[in-house]
Amino acid sequence: MRILTISDKIVPSLYSAGIRSQIGDVDLILSCGDLPYYYIDYIVSMLDKPAYFVYGNHAHVAEYWSNNTVMSAPGGATNLHGRTFCEQGLLLAGLEGSIRYNRAPFQYTDGEMWGVIARMIPGLLYNRMRYGRWLDVLVTHSPPKGIHDETDRAHTGFKSFLAFMRYFRPRYLLHGHIHIYRNDAITSTRYLETDVMNVYPYRILEIDP
């Protein structure tokens, strides 16, 4: 299963008529947040594949398009936040936003994020009973605490994500939020049974469902 993952930055070669020649065929699109809705909508319409997303901490309540359309989410994509889905045999779940650093929306304390995770547990239990595993891919905007995060408050990761990986053992945790400016930056880390990957600005991931 070939997956296009995107986050945080518009890539001109993806926002063009040549997107198919740039990345080839994919089976699924996953967005880790902080991207304009029109960008995600364009990629989904060009590739015509299932798409899921979480909001980033800079998400807009509404996006006003030139054709007088008001968008509160990217067209053709399903919001994963606090939910579980089975897509083509792949078990997905998502957690939006960042650690709380001011009063803007799409920010959470670790306690508040635990509340979201708690509401996901019935769906994870269902996965365990039906498929024999909790989860394959957790899509987040922020990284876990101490993995790919930074020292400033706005880019500190969630401790609750570390516990999530211990309890529910996803094969992958895909995140954005941390912009990469150096070639030697670490963007992939193994934590227990989970491969944690920063997908900024995009990455092709191949997974056996």
Protein backbone atom coordinates (compact mmCIF):
# COMPACT_ATOMS: atom_id res chain seq x y z
CA MET A 1 0.00 0.00 0.00
CA ARG A 2 1.55 3.28 -1.14
CA ILE A 3 0.65 6.36 0.90
CA LEU A 4 1.26 10.05 0.23
CA THR A 5 1.73 11.92 3.53
CA ILE A 6 1.77 15.73 3.59
CA SER A 7 2.18 18.43 6.23
CA ASP A 8 2.83 22.13 6.94
CA LYS A 9 4.17 23.39 3.62
CA ILE A 10 2.83 23.71 0.08
CA VAL A 11 5.11 21.81 -2.31
CA PRO A 12 4.86 23.42 -5.79
CA SER A 13 5.42 20.14 -7.62
CA LEU A 14 2.43 18.62 -5.80
CA TYR A 15 0.28 21.71 -6.36
CA SER A 16 0.62 21.38 -10.12
CA ALA A 17 -0.68 19.42 -13.09
CA GLY A 18 2.44 17.26 -12.87
CA ILE A 19 1.64 15.75 -9.48
CA ARG A 20 1.06 12.27 -10.88
CA SER A 21 4.42 12.21 -12.67
CA GLN A 22 6.08 13.57 -9.53
CA ILE A 23 4.91 10.92 -7.07
CA GLY A 24 3.46 8.10 -9.17
CA ASP A 25 0.40 6.13 -8.16
CA VAL A 26 -0.73 6.06 -4.52
CA ASP A 27 -3.51 4.25 -2.64
CA LEU A 28 -4.12 6.74 0.17
CA ILE A 29 -3.48 10.36 1.19
CA LEU A 30 -2.81 11.41 4.81
CA SER A 31 -2.45 15.03 5.94
CA CYS A 32 -0.78 15.86 9.25
CA GLY A 33 -2.07 19.42 9.41
CA ASP A 34 -1.29 23.12 8.90
CA LEU A 35 -2.02 23.04 5.19
CA PRO A 36 -4.55 25.19 3.32
CA TYR A 37 -7.76 23.38 2.55
CA TYR A 38 -7.47 24.27 -1.13
CA TYR A 39 -4.09 22.50 -1.31
CA ILE A 40 -5.41 19.27 0.18
CA ASP A 41 -8.54 19.54 -1.96
CA TYR A 42 -6.39 19.91 -5.09
CA ILE A 43 -4.24 16.86 -4.29
CA VAL A 44 -7.31 14.74 -3.52
CA SER A 45 -9.07 15.80 -6.72
CA MET A 46 -5.97 15.17 -8.86
CA LEU A 47 -5.13 11.76 -7.40
CA ASP A 48 -8.73 10.66 -6.78
CA LYS A 49 -7.83 8.52 -3.77
CA PRO A 50 -9.22 8.25 -0.22
CA ALA A 51 -7.86 10.98 2.05
CA TYR A 52 -7.78 11.60 5.82
CA PHE A 53 -6.53 14.60 7.75
CA VAL A 54 -6.04 16.18 11.16
CA TYR A 55 -5.99 19.91 11.84
CA GLY A 56 -2.74 21.58 12.80
CA ASN A 57 -2.39 24.29 15.42
CA HIS A 58 -2.61 27.01 12.74
CA ALA A 59 -5.83 25.70 11.22
CA HIS A 60 -8.45 28.20 10.12
CA VAL A 61 -12.01 28.08 11.33
CA ALA A 62 -13.02 28.99 7.78
CA GLU A 63 -11.27 29.48 4.46
CA TYR A 64 -12.84 31.81 1.90
CA TRP A 65 -12.34 30.81 -1.73
CA SER A 66 -12.55 33.13 -4.73
CA ASN A 67 -15.73 31.44 -5.98
CA ASN A 68 -17.52 32.60 -2.79
CA THR A 69 -17.28 29.14 -1.23
CA VAL A 70 -16.57 29.03 2.50
CA MET A 71 -14.63 25.92 3.53
CA SER A 72 -14.23 24.67 7.11
CA ALA A 73 -12.37 21.52 6.05
CA PRO A 74 -10.63 20.21 2.93
CA GLY A 75 -13.03 18.79 0.38
CA GLY A 76 -12.96 15.06 -0.20
CA ALA A 77 -11.02 14.26 2.99
CA THR A 78 -12.20 12.73 6.28
CA ASN A 79 -11.32 14.26 9.65
CA LEU A 80 -9.46 11.63 11.72
CA HIS A 81 -9.28 13.52 15.01
CA GLY A 82 -10.37 11.33 17.90
CA ARG A 83 -11.68 8.66 15.53
CA THR A 84 -10.69 5.27 14.15
CA PHE A 85 -11.18 3.99 10.61
CA CYS A 86 -10.32 0.90 8.60
CA GLU A 87 -9.18 1.92 5.12
CA GLN A 88 -8.31 -0.87 2.70
CA GLY A 89 -7.34 -3.07 5.63
CA LEU A 90 -5.21 -0.36 7.27
CA LEU A 91 -6.31 0.74 10.77
CA LEU A 92 -6.11 4.52 11.15
CA ALA A 93 -6.63 7.02 13.97
CA GLY A 94 -5.79 10.70 14.42
CA LEU A 95 -5.04 13.42 16.98
CA GLU A 96 -5.00 17.06 15.91
CA GLY A 97 -3.28 20.21 17.11
CA SER A 98 -0.36 21.06 19.35
CA ILE A 99 0.47 21.47 23.01
CA ARG A 100 -1.31 24.49 24.50
CA TYR A 101 0.85 27.64 24.42
CA ASN A 102 -1.83 30.35 24.13
CA ARG A 103 -5.62 30.57 23.89
CA ALA A 104 -5.94 29.84 20.18
CA PRO A 105 -7.99 26.84 19.00
CA PHE A 106 -6.54 23.44 18.13
CA GLN A 107 -4.28 23.42 21.19
CA TYR A 108 -4.42 20.99 24.12
CA THR A 109 -2.82 20.34 27.45
CA ASP A 110 -1.60 16.79 27.92
CA GLY A 111 -4.60 16.20 30.18
CA GLU A 112 -7.00 17.42 27.51
CA MET A 113 -5.32 15.21 24.93
CA TRP A 114 -5.73 12.25 27.27
CA GLY A 115 -9.45 13.01 27.29
CA VAL A 116 -9.53 12.73 23.50
CA ILE A 117 -7.56 9.48 23.63
CA ALA A 118 -9.96 8.07 26.23
CA ARG A 119 -12.88 8.64 23.85
CA MET A 120 -11.01 6.67 21.18
CA ILE A 121 -10.60 3.57 23.36
CA PRO A 122 -13.91 1.87 22.35
CA GLY A 123 -12.86 2.05 18.69
CA LEU A 124 -9.40 0.73 19.52
CA LEU A 125 -10.91 -2.12 21.51
CA TYR A 126 -13.12 -2.96 18.54
CA ASN A 127 -10.03 -3.09 16.33
CA ARG A 128 -8.33 -5.41 18.78
CA MET A 129 -11.28 -7.79 18.90
CA ARG A 130 -12.02 -7.80 15.17
CA TYR A 131 -8.56 -7.49 13.62
CA GLY A 132 -6.27 -8.74 16.39
CA ARG A 133 -4.41 -5.44 16.75
CA TRP A 134 -5.14 -1.99 18.10
CA LEU A 135 -3.92 0.26 15.30
CA ASP A 136 -1.60 0.50 12.30
CA VAL A 137 -1.15 4.27 11.81
CA LEU A 138 -1.67 7.16 14.22
CA VAL A 139 -1.81 10.47 12.33
CA THR A 140 -0.96 13.49 14.48
CA HIS A 141 0.12 17.07 13.94
CA SER A 142 2.57 17.31 16.84
CA PRO A 143 5.31 14.82 17.68
CA PRO A 144 5.60 12.88 20.93
CA LYS A 145 7.51 14.44 23.82
CA GLY A 146 11.24 14.03 23.32
CA ILE A 147 10.98 12.63 19.78
CA HIS A 148 11.60 15.13 16.97
CA ASP A 149 10.17 17.98 19.11
CA GLU A 150 11.88 21.26 20.04
CA THR A 151 12.61 23.15 23.24
CA ASP A 152 10.20 26.08 22.82
CA ARG A 153 6.73 25.64 24.28
CA ALA A 154 4.86 25.80 20.96
CA HIS A 155 6.87 22.90 19.52
CA THR A 156 7.02 20.67 22.59
CA GLY A 157 5.59 17.22 21.98
CA PHE A 158 2.87 15.37 23.90
CA LYS A 159 3.79 12.98 26.73
CA SER A 160 0.42 11.32 26.17
CA PHE A 161 1.60 10.14 22.73
CA LEU A 162 4.40 8.15 24.40
CA ALA A 163 1.85 6.37 26.58
CA PHE A 164 -0.42 5.85 23.57
CA MET A 165 2.41 4.03 21.78
CA ARG A 166 3.12 1.89 24.84
CA TYR A 167 -0.51 0.84 25.26
CA PHE A 168 -1.82 0.61 21.69
CA ARG A 169 1.35 -0.20 19.69
CA PRO A 170 0.69 1.49 16.34
CA ARG A 171 3.10 0.46 13.61
CA TYR A 172 3.56 4.11 12.65
CA LEU A 173 3.06 7.55 14.18
CA LEU A 174 3.11 10.18 11.44
CA HIS A 175 3.43 13.83 12.42
CA GLY A 176 4.29 17.27 11.07
CA HIS A 177 4.59 20.57 13.01
CA ILE A 178 8.40 20.47 13.13
CA HIS A 179 9.84 22.16 10.06
CA ILE A 180 13.06 20.70 8.68
CA TYR A 181 15.84 23.06 7.60
CA ARG A 182 18.91 20.82 7.80
CA ASN A 183 19.78 17.70 5.84
CA ASP A 184 21.05 15.94 8.98
CA ALA A 185 17.83 16.46 10.98
CA ILE A 186 16.41 13.25 12.42
CA THR A 187 12.99 12.57 10.92
CA SER A 188 12.50 8.87 11.67
CA THR A 189 12.83 7.25 15.10
CA ARG A 190 11.89 3.82 16.43
CA TYR A 191 10.03 3.93 19.78
CA LEU A 192 9.15 0.50 21.19
CA GLU A 193 7.11 -1.07 18.36
CA THR A 194 6.34 2.20 16.55
CA ASP A 195 8.18 4.01 13.76
CA VAL A 196 7.76 7.73 14.46
CA MET A 197 8.11 9.78 11.26
CA ASN A 198 8.12 13.50 10.58
CA VAL A 199 6.51 13.76 7.14
CA TYR A 200 7.27 17.50 6.55
CA PRO A 201 6.63 18.60 3.83
CA TYR A 202 5.72 15.26 2.24
CA ARG A 203 6.80 11.65 2.24
CA ILE A 204 5.85 8.49 0.36
CA LEU A 205 5.26 5.60 2.75
CA GLU A 206 4.84 1.99 1.69
CA ILE A 207 3.01 -0.28 4.14
CA ASP A 208 1.75 -3.84 3.94
CA PRO A 209 -1.87 -3.69 5.15
